[in-house]
Amino acid sequence: MIDIDGTRGEGGGQILRTALALSLVTGEAFRMRGIRAGRARPGLLRQHLTCVEAAAAVSSASVEGASPGSLELVFRPGSPKAGAYRFDIGSAGSTTLVAQTVLPALWSLAEPSTVVITGGTHNPLAPPADFLAHAFAPQLARIGLHLAVHLDRPGFYPAGGGVLRVETGPAGASSSLSLLERGPSLDRRITSLVANLRGDIGRRQIALACAELGWDDSEAVIVARRDAVSSGNALSATLRYEHVTEVATSFGERGRRSEDVVQELAAGVRAYLAHDAPVGEHLCDQLLLPLALREGGEFRAAAPSLHATTQAETMARFLGPRVTFTAEPAGTVRVAVRG
């Protein structure tokens, strides 16, 4: 059994999710202590419990310690099975992170699977559904992994109630990834997603964002949804290049000015444009595990975040050292992943 210290690195839920995903793939049981021990609300929250429940459901696993606030968990996986799965977080916890917990195991199976998760689809502390669809899934396709992402209903903090549906099939021919350049710019777009809110909120955000970034209003769109269980707002910028797509997002909330939402979005866009590496901060840590489970590869990214280095350390507990970060003169980094 692998012992994992949940306080290492970023010390959050990512260590748990990665351990669950790799336990399913490798068949190795693990014990984790100190789960989120340094957080304001330590231990397992609803979102993390749903990750555990999802991993257990797809493999008929044996689990000890899966209760609210638990600081220790023992997970003994069974054999993953393809199927149609449904999970309800019961809060605005991230649906995308629950999906990423079980996807690696489902990719290894001979039959397709569908996973429907209810909770937060647009959570400020996790990649939103749009990022999964436009930035993550296309890179998976390049290494032979299928992922279709459907936003059946948006869900925002604090009510949640969103529905994310992902479909994944048997893996195709495995290939390595080489992502060293962005390639020519193909398209860019600002999107204001407004759910159960006045239309002028989206129009104001679009006008402010276009002015701040110097984009034309023809490069912007408002998406109004009336099917959410509560009101919510997300402002995103999608930058599509020949080899990669980056998605930056900022979230509106009650009492927050549109100017502040726009400034945060603009900061994210400018941070990406400040260097020429194709892979942004969030895509960096998400690519590591799929590459290690396929033929590996290499990519250039901004300086790795604590999430990325923690991801690499957690992966090494199950797979051995697989990731190398090499600093480049321009302040970027070349990331090599051994498959």
C-alpha atoms as a PDB file:
ATOM      1  CA  MET A   1       0.000   0.000   0.000  1.00  0.00           C
ATOM      2  CA  ILE A   2       1.307   3.443  -0.941  1.00  0.00           C
ATOM      3  CA  ASP A   3       1.445   6.012   1.868  1.00  0.00           C
ATOM      4  CA  ILE A   4       0.842   9.594   0.800  1.00  0.00           C
ATOM      5  CA  ASP A   5       1.337  12.755   2.829  1.00  0.00           C
ATOM      6  CA  GLY A   6      -1.563  15.036   1.928  1.00  0.00           C
ATOM      7  CA  THR A   7       0.238  18.100   3.299  1.00  0.00           C
ATOM      8  CA  ARG A   8       3.026  18.082   0.706  1.00  0.00           C
ATOM      9  CA  GLY A   9       3.239  20.613  -2.108  1.00  0.00           C
ATOM     10  CA  GLU A  10       0.046  22.566  -2.655  1.00  0.00           C
ATOM     11  CA  GLY A  11      -1.567  20.478   0.095  1.00  0.00           C
ATOM     12  CA  GLY A  12      -5.047  20.525  -1.410  1.00  0.00           C
ATOM     13  CA  GLY A  13      -7.523  18.280  -3.143  1.00  0.00           C
ATOM     14  CA  GLN A  14      -5.393  17.762  -6.242  1.00  0.00           C
ATOM     15  CA  ILE A  15      -3.174  15.283  -4.405  1.00  0.00           C
ATOM     16  CA  LEU A  16      -6.247  13.219  -3.516  1.00  0.00           C
ATOM     17  CA  ARG A  17      -7.719  13.340  -7.039  1.00  0.00           C
ATOM     18  CA  THR A  18      -4.448  12.306  -8.653  1.00  0.00           C
ATOM     19  CA  ALA A  19      -3.961   9.483  -6.152  1.00  0.00           C
ATOM     20  CA  LEU A  20      -7.485   8.212  -6.832  1.00  0.00           C
ATOM     21  CA  ALA A  21      -6.999   8.380 -10.597  1.00  0.00           C
ATOM     22  CA  LEU A  22      -3.688   6.524 -10.508  1.00  0.00           C
ATOM     23  CA  SER A  23      -4.944   3.990  -7.995  1.00  0.00           C
ATOM     24  CA  LEU A  24      -7.686   3.084 -10.465  1.00  0.00           C
ATOM     25  CA  VAL A  25      -5.225   2.843 -13.357  1.00  0.00           C
ATOM     26  CA  THR A  26      -2.464   0.927 -11.593  1.00  0.00           C
ATOM     27  CA  GLY A  27      -4.558  -1.173  -9.183  1.00  0.00           C
ATOM     28  CA  GLU A  28      -2.405   0.063  -6.278  1.00  0.00           C
ATOM     29  CA  ALA A  29      -4.113   0.789  -2.963  1.00  0.00           C
ATOM     30  CA  PHE A  30      -3.103   3.885  -1.003  1.00  0.00           C
ATOM     31  CA  ARG A  31      -3.460   5.521   2.376  1.00  0.00           C
ATOM     32  CA  MET A  32      -3.480   9.321   2.553  1.00  0.00           C
ATOM     33  CA  ARG A  33      -2.960  11.233   5.780  1.00  0.00           C
ATOM     34  CA  GLY A  34      -3.299  14.957   6.444  1.00  0.00           C
ATOM     35  CA  ILE A  35      -5.869  15.536   3.709  1.00  0.00           C
ATOM     36  CA  ARG A  36      -6.118  19.318   3.184  1.00  0.00           C
ATOM     37  CA  ALA A  37      -4.828  19.713   6.737  1.00  0.00           C
ATOM     38  CA  GLY A  38      -3.605  23.261   6.163  1.00  0.00           C
ATOM     39  CA  ARG A  39      -6.821  24.584   4.657  1.00  0.00           C
ATOM     40  CA  ALA A  40      -9.293  26.841   6.473  1.00  0.00           C
ATOM     41  CA  ARG A  41     -11.749  23.934   6.342  1.00  0.00           C
ATOM     42  CA  PRO A  42      -9.474  20.876   6.542  1.00  0.00           C
ATOM     43  CA  GLY A  43     -10.325  17.356   5.517  1.00  0.00           C
ATOM     44  CA  LEU A  44     -12.773  16.061   2.930  1.00  0.00           C
ATOM     45  CA  LEU A  45     -15.461  18.452   1.681  1.00  0.00           C
ATOM     46  CA  ARG A  46     -18.410  17.506  -0.508  1.00  0.00           C
ATOM     47  CA  GLN A  47     -16.459  17.876  -3.736  1.00  0.00           C
ATOM     48  CA  HIS A  48     -13.641  15.636  -2.510  1.00  0.00           C
ATOM     49  CA  LEU A  49     -16.066  13.052  -1.160  1.00  0.00           C
ATOM     50  CA  THR A  50     -17.743  12.939  -4.563  1.00  0.00           C
ATOM     51  CA  CYS A  51     -14.356  12.274  -6.172  1.00  0.00           C
ATOM     52  CA  VAL A  52     -13.861   9.362  -3.773  1.00  0.00           C
ATOM     53  CA  GLU A  53     -17.393   8.085  -4.385  1.00  0.00           C
ATOM     54  CA  ALA A  54     -16.947   8.353  -8.149  1.00  0.00           C
ATOM     55  CA  ALA A  55     -13.646   6.482  -8.087  1.00  0.00           C
ATOM     56  CA  ALA A  56     -15.180   3.806  -5.875  1.00  0.00           C
ATOM     57  CA  ALA A  57     -18.246   3.469  -8.124  1.00  0.00           C
ATOM     58  CA  VAL A  58     -16.338   2.907 -11.358  1.00  0.00           C
ATOM     59  CA  SER A  59     -14.185   0.197  -9.775  1.00  0.00           C
ATOM     60  CA  SER A  60     -16.221  -1.283  -6.881  1.00  0.00           C
ATOM     61  CA  ALA A  61     -13.456  -0.132  -4.558  1.00  0.00           C
ATOM     62  CA  SER A  62     -13.141  -0.645  -0.815  1.00  0.00           C
ATOM     63  CA  VAL A  63     -12.882   2.670   1.049  1.00  0.00           C
ATOM     64  CA  GLU A  64     -12.209   3.657   4.652  1.00  0.00           C
ATOM     65  CA  GLY A  65     -12.502   7.191   6.004  1.00  0.00           C
ATOM     66  CA  ALA A  66     -14.825   8.653   3.367  1.00  0.00           C
ATOM     67  CA  SER A  67     -16.736  11.027   5.637  1.00  0.00           C
ATOM     68  CA  PRO A  68     -17.036  14.828   5.869  1.00  0.00           C
ATOM     69  CA  GLY A  69     -13.968  16.401   7.442  1.00  0.00           C
ATOM     70  CA  SER A  70     -11.945  13.188   7.402  1.00  0.00           C
ATOM     71  CA  LEU A  71      -8.173  13.773   7.343  1.00  0.00           C
ATOM     72  CA  GLU A  72      -7.288  10.192   6.446  1.00  0.00           C
ATOM     73  CA  LEU A  73      -8.457   7.881   3.683  1.00  0.00           C
ATOM     74  CA  VAL A  74      -7.690   4.312   2.671  1.00  0.00           C
ATOM     75  CA  PHE A  75      -8.617   3.372  -0.903  1.00  0.00           C
ATOM     76  CA  ARG A  76      -8.380  -0.137  -2.340  1.00  0.00           C
ATOM     77  CA  PRO A  77      -9.465  -0.175  -5.995  1.00  0.00           C
ATOM     78  CA  GLY A  78     -11.261  -2.912  -7.843  1.00  0.00           C
ATOM     79  CA  SER A  79     -11.394  -3.334 -11.610  1.00  0.00           C
ATOM     80  CA  PRO A  80     -12.763  -0.270 -13.461  1.00  0.00           C
ATOM     81  CA  LYS A  81     -15.826  -0.860 -15.616  1.00  0.00           C
ATOM     82  CA  ALA A  82     -17.245   1.200 -18.456  1.00  0.00           C
ATOM     83  CA  GLY A  83     -20.815   2.426 -18.152  1.00  0.00           C
ATOM     84  CA  ALA A  84     -23.177   5.338 -17.617  1.00  0.00           C
ATOM     85  CA  TYR A  85     -22.453   7.052 -14.311  1.00  0.00           C
ATOM     86  CA  ARG A  86     -24.170   9.862 -12.409  1.00  0.00           C
ATOM     87  CA  PHE A  87     -22.748  11.775  -9.463  1.00  0.00           C
ATOM     88  CA  ASP A  88     -24.190  14.699  -7.505  1.00  0.00           C
ATOM     89  CA  ILE A  89     -21.758  16.842  -5.527  1.00  0.00           C
ATOM     90  CA  GLY A  90     -24.570  18.493  -3.590  1.00  0.00           C
ATOM     91  CA  SER A  91     -22.800  21.857  -3.654  1.00  0.00           C
ATOM     92  CA  ALA A  92     -21.098  24.195  -6.133  1.00  0.00           C
ATOM     93  CA  GLY A  93     -17.961  22.049  -5.977  1.00  0.00           C
ATOM     94  CA  SER A  94     -16.245  21.571  -9.318  1.00  0.00           C
ATOM     95  CA  THR A  95     -17.789  19.042 -11.694  1.00  0.00           C
ATOM     96  CA  THR A  96     -14.737  19.220 -13.969  1.00  0.00           C
ATOM     97  CA  LEU A  97     -12.401  18.029 -11.213  1.00  0.00           C
ATOM     98  CA  VAL A  98     -14.665  15.091 -10.403  1.00  0.00           C
ATOM     99  CA  ALA A  99     -14.649  14.156 -14.087  1.00  0.00           C
ATOM    100  CA  GLN A 100     -10.866  14.292 -14.256  1.00  0.00           C
ATOM    101  CA  THR A 101     -10.637  11.879 -11.322  1.00  0.00           C
ATOM    102  CA  VAL A 102     -12.264   9.007 -13.226  1.00  0.00           C
ATOM    103  CA  LEU A 103     -11.372   9.788 -16.838  1.00  0.00           C
ATOM    104  CA  PRO A 104      -7.913   8.124 -16.827  1.00  0.00           C
ATOM    105  CA  ALA A 105      -9.409   4.789 -15.758  1.00  0.00           C
ATOM    106  CA  LEU A 106     -12.242   5.007 -18.290  1.00  0.00           C
ATOM    107  CA  TRP A 107      -9.811   5.750 -21.135  1.00  0.00           C
ATOM    108  CA  SER A 108      -8.165   2.383 -20.554  1.00  0.00           C
ATOM    109  CA  LEU A 109     -11.365   0.391 -21.163  1.00  0.00           C
ATOM    110  CA  ALA A 110     -12.637  -1.225 -24.348  1.00  0.00           C
ATOM    111  CA  GLU A 111     -16.158   0.250 -24.139  1.00  0.00           C
ATOM    112  CA  PRO A 112     -17.339   3.900 -24.095  1.00  0.00           C
ATOM    113  CA  SER A 113     -18.589   5.606 -20.942  1.00  0.00           C
ATOM    114  CA  THR A 114     -20.752   8.585 -20.079  1.00  0.00           C
ATOM    115  CA  VAL A 115     -20.355  10.496 -16.823  1.00  0.00           C
ATOM    116  CA  VAL A 116     -22.946  13.065 -15.702  1.00  0.00           C
ATOM    117  CA  ILE A 117     -22.011  15.235 -12.725  1.00  0.00           C
ATOM    118  CA  THR A 118     -24.221  17.771 -10.952  1.00  0.00           C
ATOM    119  CA  GLY A 119     -22.591  20.675  -9.108  1.00  0.00           C
ATOM    120  CA  GLY A 120     -20.546  23.696 -10.120  1.00  0.00           C
ATOM    121  CA  THR A 121     -19.610  23.948 -13.780  1.00  0.00           C
ATOM    122  CA  HIS A 122     -18.131  27.436 -13.332  1.00  0.00           C
ATOM    123  CA  ASN A 123     -16.199  27.451 -10.073  1.00  0.00           C
ATOM    124  CA  PRO A 124     -13.569  30.155  -9.400  1.00  0.00           C
ATOM    125  CA  LEU A 125     -11.220  27.577  -7.871  1.00  0.00           C
ATOM    126  CA  ALA A 126     -11.185  25.121 -10.782  1.00  0.00           C
ATOM    127  CA  PRO A 127     -11.065  25.015 -14.589  1.00  0.00           C
ATOM    128  CA  PRO A 128     -14.573  25.709 -15.943  1.00  0.00           C
ATOM    129  CA  ALA A 129     -16.366  23.460 -18.406  1.00  0.00           C
ATOM    130  CA  ASP A 130     -15.312  25.744 -21.278  1.00  0.00           C
ATOM    131  CA  PHE A 131     -11.652  25.133 -20.483  1.00  0.00           C
ATOM    132  CA  LEU A 132     -12.167  21.383 -20.495  1.00  0.00           C
ATOM    133  CA  ALA A 133     -13.914  21.548 -23.876  1.00  0.00           C
ATOM    134  CA  HIS A 134     -11.708  24.015 -25.738  1.00  0.00           C
ATOM    135  CA  ALA A 135      -8.240  23.780 -24.162  1.00  0.00           C
ATOM    136  CA  PHE A 136      -7.910  20.291 -22.647  1.00  0.00           C
ATOM    137  CA  ALA A 137      -9.931  17.971 -24.921  1.00  0.00           C
ATOM    138  CA  PRO A 138      -8.162  18.964 -28.191  1.00  0.00           C
ATOM    139  CA  GLN A 139      -4.769  18.112 -26.704  1.00  0.00           C
ATOM    140  CA  LEU A 140      -6.105  14.745 -25.532  1.00  0.00           C
ATOM    141  CA  ALA A 141      -7.247  14.044 -29.092  1.00  0.00           C
ATOM    142  CA  ARG A 142      -3.676  14.539 -30.305  1.00  0.00           C
ATOM    143  CA  ILE A 143      -2.508  11.609 -28.170  1.00  0.00           C
ATOM    144  CA  GLY A 144      -5.425   9.333 -29.026  1.00  0.00           C
ATOM    145  CA  LEU A 145      -7.803  10.046 -26.130  1.00  0.00           C
ATOM    146  CA  HIS A 146     -11.444  10.950 -26.774  1.00  0.00           C
ATOM    147  CA  LEU A 147     -13.317  13.419 -24.598  1.00  0.00           C
ATOM    148  CA  ALA A 148     -16.587  15.140 -25.518  1.00  0.00           C
ATOM    149  CA  VAL A 149     -17.739  17.827 -23.077  1.00  0.00           C
ATOM    150  CA  HIS A 150     -21.360  19.001 -22.827  1.00  0.00           C
ATOM    151  CA  LEU A 151     -22.602  21.823 -20.620  1.00  0.00           C
ATOM    152  CA  ASP A 152     -26.158  20.617 -20.110  1.00  0.00           C
ATOM    153  CA  ARG A 153     -26.839  23.297 -17.486  1.00  0.00           C
ATOM    154  CA  PRO A 154     -24.510  25.912 -15.990  1.00  0.00           C
ATOM    155  CA  GLY A 155     -24.002  25.954 -12.241  1.00  0.00           C
ATOM    156  CA  PHE A 156     -22.419  28.738 -10.209  1.00  0.00           C
ATOM    157  CA  TYR A 157     -21.295  29.356  -6.643  1.00  0.00           C
ATOM    158  CA  PRO A 158     -22.920  29.036  -4.146  1.00  0.00           C
ATOM    159  CA  ALA A 159     -26.018  27.181  -5.414  1.00  0.00           C
ATOM    160  CA  GLY A 160     -24.375  24.780  -7.866  1.00  0.00           C
ATOM    161  CA  GLY A 161     -26.976  22.702  -9.665  1.00  0.00           C
ATOM    162  CA  GLY A 162     -25.103  22.713 -12.954  1.00  0.00           C
ATOM    163  CA  VAL A 163     -24.877  19.584 -15.073  1.00  0.00           C
ATOM    164  CA  LEU A 164     -21.680  18.552 -16.834  1.00  0.00           C
ATOM    165  CA  ARG A 165     -21.841  15.549 -19.163  1.00  0.00           C
ATOM    166  CA  VAL A 166     -18.664  13.998 -20.523  1.00  0.00           C
ATOM    167  CA  GLU A 167     -18.416  11.156 -22.982  1.00  0.00           C
ATOM    168  CA  THR A 168     -15.278   9.142 -23.437  1.00  0.00           C
ATOM    169  CA  GLY A 169     -14.616   6.167 -25.623  1.00  0.00           C
ATOM    170  CA  PRO A 170     -11.904   3.576 -25.959  1.00  0.00           C
ATOM    171  CA  ALA A 171      -8.482   5.098 -26.507  1.00  0.00           C
ATOM    172  CA  GLY A 172      -7.240   5.285 -30.056  1.00  0.00           C
ATOM    173  CA  ALA A 173      -3.705   4.727 -31.283  1.00  0.00           C
ATOM    174  CA  SER A 174      -1.303   6.104 -28.709  1.00  0.00           C
ATOM    175  CA  SER A 175       1.068   8.864 -29.728  1.00  0.00           C
ATOM    176  CA  SER A 176       3.382  11.291 -28.006  1.00  0.00           C
ATOM    177  CA  LEU A 177       2.772  15.022 -27.822  1.00  0.00           C
ATOM    178  CA  SER A 178       5.106  17.715 -29.096  1.00  0.00           C
ATOM    179  CA  LEU A 179       3.724  21.134 -28.234  1.00  0.00           C
ATOM    180  CA  LEU A 180       6.589  23.603 -28.461  1.00  0.00           C
ATOM    181  CA  GLU A 181       5.008  26.452 -30.446  1.00  0.00           C
ATOM    182  CA  ARG A 182       1.552  28.041 -30.552  1.00  0.00           C
ATOM    183  CA  GLY A 183       1.530  28.444 -34.320  1.00  0.00           C
ATOM    184  CA  PRO A 184      -0.340  31.280 -36.064  1.00  0.00           C
ATOM    185  CA  SER A 185      -3.291  32.931 -34.310  1.00  0.00           C
ATOM    186  CA  LEU A 186      -6.563  31.656 -35.786  1.00  0.00           C
ATOM    187  CA  ASP A 187      -9.292  33.242 -33.710  1.00  0.00           C
ATOM    188  CA  ARG A 188     -10.016  35.048 -30.449  1.00  0.00           C
ATOM    189  CA  ARG A 189     -13.287  35.603 -28.654  1.00  0.00           C
ATOM    190  CA  ILE A 190     -14.684  37.147 -25.497  1.00  0.00           C
ATOM    191  CA  THR A 191     -17.774  35.422 -24.103  1.00  0.00           C
ATOM    192  CA  SER A 192     -20.030  36.727 -21.364  1.00  0.00           C
ATOM    193  CA  LEU A 193     -22.098  33.874 -19.957  1.00  0.00           C
ATOM    194  CA  VAL A 194     -25.059  35.294 -18.041  1.00  0.00           C
ATOM    195  CA  ALA A 195     -27.517  32.998 -16.298  1.00  0.00           C
ATOM    196  CA  ASN A 196     -30.809  34.416 -15.014  1.00  0.00           C
ATOM    197  CA  LEU A 197     -29.394  37.958 -15.094  1.00  0.00           C
ATOM    198  CA  ARG A 198     -30.262  41.175 -16.885  1.00  0.00           C
ATOM    199  CA  GLY A 199     -28.941  41.374 -20.430  1.00  0.00           C
ATOM    200  CA  ASP A 200     -27.255  44.720 -19.820  1.00  0.00           C
ATOM    201  CA  ILE A 201     -24.731  43.008 -17.513  1.00  0.00           C
ATOM    202  CA  GLY A 202     -23.349  41.003 -20.394  1.00  0.00           C
ATOM    203  CA  ARG A 203     -23.385  43.990 -22.745  1.00  0.00           C
ATOM    204  CA  ARG A 204     -21.497  46.130 -20.240  1.00  0.00           C
ATOM    205  CA  GLN A 205     -18.882  43.430 -19.641  1.00  0.00           C
ATOM    206  CA  ILE A 206     -18.358  42.968 -23.379  1.00  0.00           C
ATOM    207  CA  ALA A 207     -17.957  46.695 -23.984  1.00  0.00           C
ATOM    208  CA  LEU A 208     -15.504  47.089 -21.108  1.00  0.00           C
ATOM    209  CA  ALA A 209     -13.498  43.987 -22.059  1.00  0.00           C
ATOM    210  CA  CYS A 210     -13.175  44.956 -25.708  1.00  0.00           C
ATOM    211  CA  ALA A 211     -12.021  48.439 -24.710  1.00  0.00           C
ATOM    212  CA  GLU A 212      -9.542  47.101 -22.152  1.00  0.00           C
ATOM    213  CA  LEU A 213      -7.995  44.533 -24.502  1.00  0.00           C
ATOM    214  CA  GLY A 214      -8.320  46.536 -27.698  1.00  0.00           C
ATOM    215  CA  TRP A 215     -10.483  43.915 -29.375  1.00  0.00           C
ATOM    216  CA  ASP A 216     -13.340  44.599 -31.764  1.00  0.00           C
ATOM    217  CA  ASP A 217     -16.897  43.980 -30.593  1.00  0.00           C
ATOM    218  CA  SER A 218     -17.279  41.534 -33.490  1.00  0.00           C
ATOM    219  CA  GLU A 219     -14.934  39.299 -31.485  1.00  0.00           C
ATOM    220  CA  ALA A 220     -17.358  39.080 -28.569  1.00  0.00           C
ATOM    221  CA  VAL A 221     -20.587  37.241 -27.821  1.00  0.00           C
ATOM    222  CA  ILE A 222     -23.164  37.090 -25.023  1.00  0.00           C
ATOM    223  CA  VAL A 223     -24.548  33.678 -24.069  1.00  0.00           C
ATOM    224  CA  ALA A 224     -27.755  33.965 -22.038  1.00  0.00           C
ATOM    225  CA  ARG A 225     -28.975  30.894 -20.157  1.00  0.00           C
ATOM    226  CA  ARG A 226     -32.304  30.670 -18.329  1.00  0.00           C
ATOM    227  CA  ASP A 227     -32.050  27.045 -17.263  1.00  0.00           C
ATOM    228  CA  ALA A 228     -29.643  27.498 -14.325  1.00  0.00           C
ATOM    229  CA  VAL A 229     -30.995  26.940 -10.811  1.00  0.00           C
ATOM    230  CA  SER A 230     -29.603  30.318  -9.743  1.00  0.00           C
ATOM    231  CA  SER A 231     -28.068  33.411 -11.256  1.00  0.00           C
ATOM    232  CA  GLY A 232     -24.422  33.472 -12.273  1.00  0.00           C
ATOM    233  CA  ASN A 233     -21.906  35.051 -14.599  1.00  0.00           C
ATOM    234  CA  ALA A 234     -18.601  34.078 -16.190  1.00  0.00           C
ATOM    235  CA  LEU A 235     -16.534  36.213 -18.544  1.00  0.00           C
ATOM    236  CA  SER A 236     -14.010  34.321 -20.642  1.00  0.00           C
ATOM    237  CA  ALA A 237     -11.473  34.975 -23.374  1.00  0.00           C
ATOM    238  CA  THR A 238     -10.598  32.190 -25.787  1.00  0.00           C
ATOM    239  CA  LEU A 239      -7.393  32.496 -27.805  1.00  0.00           C
ATOM    240  CA  ARG A 240      -7.157  29.859 -30.522  1.00  0.00           C
ATOM    241  CA  TYR A 241      -3.881  29.131 -32.269  1.00  0.00           C
ATOM    242  CA  GLU A 242      -2.894  26.467 -34.767  1.00  0.00           C
ATOM    243  CA  HIS A 243      -1.573  24.093 -32.102  1.00  0.00           C
ATOM    244  CA  VAL A 244      -3.218  25.171 -28.850  1.00  0.00           C
ATOM    245  CA  THR A 245      -6.154  27.057 -27.358  1.00  0.00           C
ATOM    246  CA  GLU A 246      -5.974  29.062 -24.146  1.00  0.00           C
ATOM    247  CA  VAL A 247      -9.052  29.993 -22.102  1.00  0.00           C
ATOM    248  CA  ALA A 248      -8.917  32.691 -19.414  1.00  0.00           C
ATOM    249  CA  THR A 249     -11.941  33.191 -17.155  1.00  0.00           C
ATOM    250  CA  SER A 250     -13.164  35.679 -14.568  1.00  0.00           C
ATOM    251  CA  PHE A 251     -16.312  35.320 -12.502  1.00  0.00           C
ATOM    252  CA  GLY A 252     -18.955  37.837 -11.597  1.00  0.00           C
ATOM    253  CA  GLU A 253     -20.679  37.680  -8.245  1.00  0.00           C
ATOM    254  CA  ARG A 254     -23.105  39.733  -6.227  1.00  0.00           C
ATOM    255  CA  GLY A 255     -21.509  43.051  -5.278  1.00  0.00           C
ATOM    256  CA  ARG A 256     -18.542  42.689  -7.636  1.00  0.00           C
ATOM    257  CA  ARG A 257     -18.186  45.443 -10.224  1.00  0.00           C
ATOM    258  CA  SER A 258     -18.000  44.599 -13.926  1.00  0.00           C
ATOM    259  CA  GLU A 259     -14.808  46.653 -14.062  1.00  0.00           C
ATOM    260  CA  ASP A 260     -13.152  44.282 -11.588  1.00  0.00           C
ATOM    261  CA  VAL A 261     -14.310  41.204 -13.497  1.00  0.00           C
ATOM    262  CA  VAL A 262     -12.880  42.658 -16.709  1.00  0.00           C
ATOM    263  CA  GLN A 263      -9.577  43.644 -15.087  1.00  0.00           C
ATOM    264  CA  GLU A 264      -9.081  40.111 -13.800  1.00  0.00           C
ATOM    265  CA  LEU A 265      -9.820  38.653 -17.225  1.00  0.00           C
ATOM    266  CA  ALA A 266      -7.470  41.099 -18.934  1.00  0.00           C
ATOM    267  CA  ALA A 267      -4.707  40.213 -16.472  1.00  0.00           C
ATOM    268  CA  GLY A 268      -5.103  36.536 -17.366  1.00  0.00           C
ATOM    269  CA  VAL A 269      -4.947  37.264 -21.101  1.00  0.00           C
ATOM    270  CA  ARG A 270      -1.908  39.503 -20.738  1.00  0.00           C
ATOM    271  CA  ALA A 271      -0.103  36.965 -18.580  1.00  0.00           C
ATOM    272  CA  TYR A 272      -0.489  34.400 -21.371  1.00  0.00           C
ATOM    273  CA  LEU A 273       0.577  36.844 -24.081  1.00  0.00           C
ATOM    274  CA  ALA A 274       3.615  37.969 -22.069  1.00  0.00           C
ATOM    275  CA  HIS A 275       5.537  34.876 -23.199  1.00  0.00           C
ATOM    276  CA  ASP A 276       5.505  32.701 -26.313  1.00  0.00           C
ATOM    277  CA  ALA A 277       5.083  29.290 -24.685  1.00  0.00           C
ATOM    278  CA  PRO A 278       1.955  27.509 -25.942  1.00  0.00           C
ATOM    279  CA  VAL A 279       0.836  25.966 -22.631  1.00  0.00           C
ATOM    280  CA  GLY A 280      -0.680  28.161 -19.945  1.00  0.00           C
ATOM    281  CA  GLU A 281      -0.543  27.634 -16.194  1.00  0.00           C
ATOM    282  CA  HIS A 282      -3.661  25.465 -15.825  1.00  0.00           C
ATOM    283  CA  LEU A 283      -3.184  23.316 -18.922  1.00  0.00           C
ATOM    284  CA  CYS A 284       0.354  22.539 -17.742  1.00  0.00           C
ATOM    285  CA  ASP A 285      -0.593  20.542 -14.664  1.00  0.00           C
ATOM    286  CA  GLN A 286      -3.541  18.877 -16.432  1.00  0.00           C
ATOM    287  CA  LEU A 287      -1.457  17.490 -19.299  1.00  0.00           C
ATOM    288  CA  LEU A 288       1.054  15.676 -17.097  1.00  0.00           C
ATOM    289  CA  LEU A 289      -1.038  12.650 -16.149  1.00  0.00           C
ATOM    290  CA  PRO A 290      -2.519  11.841 -19.598  1.00  0.00           C
ATOM    291  CA  LEU A 291       0.924  12.106 -21.201  1.00  0.00           C
ATOM    292  CA  ALA A 292       2.464   9.780 -18.608  1.00  0.00           C
ATOM    293  CA  LEU A 293      -0.223   7.194 -19.315  1.00  0.00           C
ATOM    294  CA  ARG A 294       0.365   7.347 -23.080  1.00  0.00           C
ATOM    295  CA  GLU A 295       3.611   7.782 -25.013  1.00  0.00           C
ATOM    296  CA  GLY A 296       4.759  10.850 -23.113  1.00  0.00           C
ATOM    297  CA  GLY A 297       5.904  13.978 -24.872  1.00  0.00           C
ATOM    298  CA  GLU A 298       7.168  17.480 -24.293  1.00  0.00           C
ATOM    299  CA  PHE A 299       5.754  20.972 -24.225  1.00  0.00           C
ATOM    300  CA  ARG A 300       6.773  24.517 -23.381  1.00  0.00           C
ATOM    301  CA  ALA A 301       4.908  26.383 -20.664  1.00  0.00           C
ATOM    302  CA  ALA A 302       5.039  29.323 -18.333  1.00  0.00           C
ATOM    303  CA  ALA A 303       6.979  28.704 -15.122  1.00  0.00           C
ATOM    304  CA  PRO A 304       5.301  25.705 -13.433  1.00  0.00           C
ATOM    305  CA  SER A 305       2.854  26.422 -10.644  1.00  0.00           C
ATOM    306  CA  LEU A 306       2.886  24.666  -7.285  1.00  0.00           C
ATOM    307  CA  HIS A 307      -0.046  22.617  -8.620  1.00  0.00           C
ATOM    308  CA  ALA A 308       2.129  21.341 -11.487  1.00  0.00           C
ATOM    309  CA  THR A 309       5.099  20.366  -9.319  1.00  0.00           C
ATOM    310  CA  THR A 310       2.785  18.727  -6.776  1.00  0.00           C
ATOM    311  CA  GLN A 311       1.118  16.806  -9.598  1.00  0.00           C
ATOM    312  CA  ALA A 312       4.486  15.509 -10.759  1.00  0.00           C
ATOM    313  CA  GLU A 313       5.443  14.450  -7.213  1.00  0.00           C
ATOM    314  CA  THR A 314       2.157  12.605  -6.657  1.00  0.00           C
ATOM    315  CA  MET A 315       2.436  10.818  -9.994  1.00  0.00           C
ATOM    316  CA  ALA A 316       5.918   9.624  -9.045  1.00  0.00           C
ATOM    317  CA  ARG A 317       4.508   7.766  -6.014  1.00  0.00           C
ATOM    318  CA  PHE A 318       2.581   5.454  -8.363  1.00  0.00           C
ATOM    319  CA  LEU A 319       4.562   5.529 -11.614  1.00  0.00           C
ATOM    320  CA  GLY A 320       8.095   6.472 -10.621  1.00  0.00           C
ATOM    321  CA  PRO A 321       9.684   9.752 -11.811  1.00  0.00           C
ATOM    322  CA  ARG A 322       8.091  10.775 -15.076  1.00  0.00           C
ATOM    323  CA  VAL A 323       8.301  14.575 -15.320  1.00  0.00           C
ATOM    324  CA  THR A 324      11.270  16.877 -15.872  1.00  0.00           C
ATOM    325  CA  PHE A 325      11.053  20.676 -15.751  1.00  0.00           C
ATOM    326  CA  THR A 326      13.908  22.514 -17.519  1.00  0.00           C
ATOM    327  CA  ALA A 327      14.074  26.293 -17.242  1.00  0.00           C
ATOM    328  CA  GLU A 328      14.517  28.288 -20.449  1.00  0.00           C
ATOM    329  CA  PRO A 329      16.306  31.654 -20.749  1.00  0.00           C
ATOM    330  CA  ALA A 330      13.072  33.530 -21.485  1.00  0.00           C
ATOM    331  CA  GLY A 331      11.589  32.549 -18.122  1.00  0.00           C
ATOM    332  CA  THR A 332       9.498  29.767 -19.595  1.00  0.00           C
ATOM    333  CA  VAL A 333      10.030  26.054 -18.988  1.00  0.00           C
ATOM    334  CA  ARG A 334      10.312  22.943 -21.135  1.00  0.00           C
ATOM    335  CA  VAL A 335       8.391  20.043 -19.662  1.00  0.00           C
ATOM    336  CA  ALA A 336       9.302  16.488 -20.624  1.00  0.00           C
ATOM    337  CA  VAL A 337       7.014  13.617 -19.636  1.00  0.00           C
ATOM    338  CA  ARG A 338       8.097  10.011 -19.948  1.00  0.00           C
ATOM    339  CA  GLY A 339       5.331   7.636 -21.010  1.00  0.00           C
END
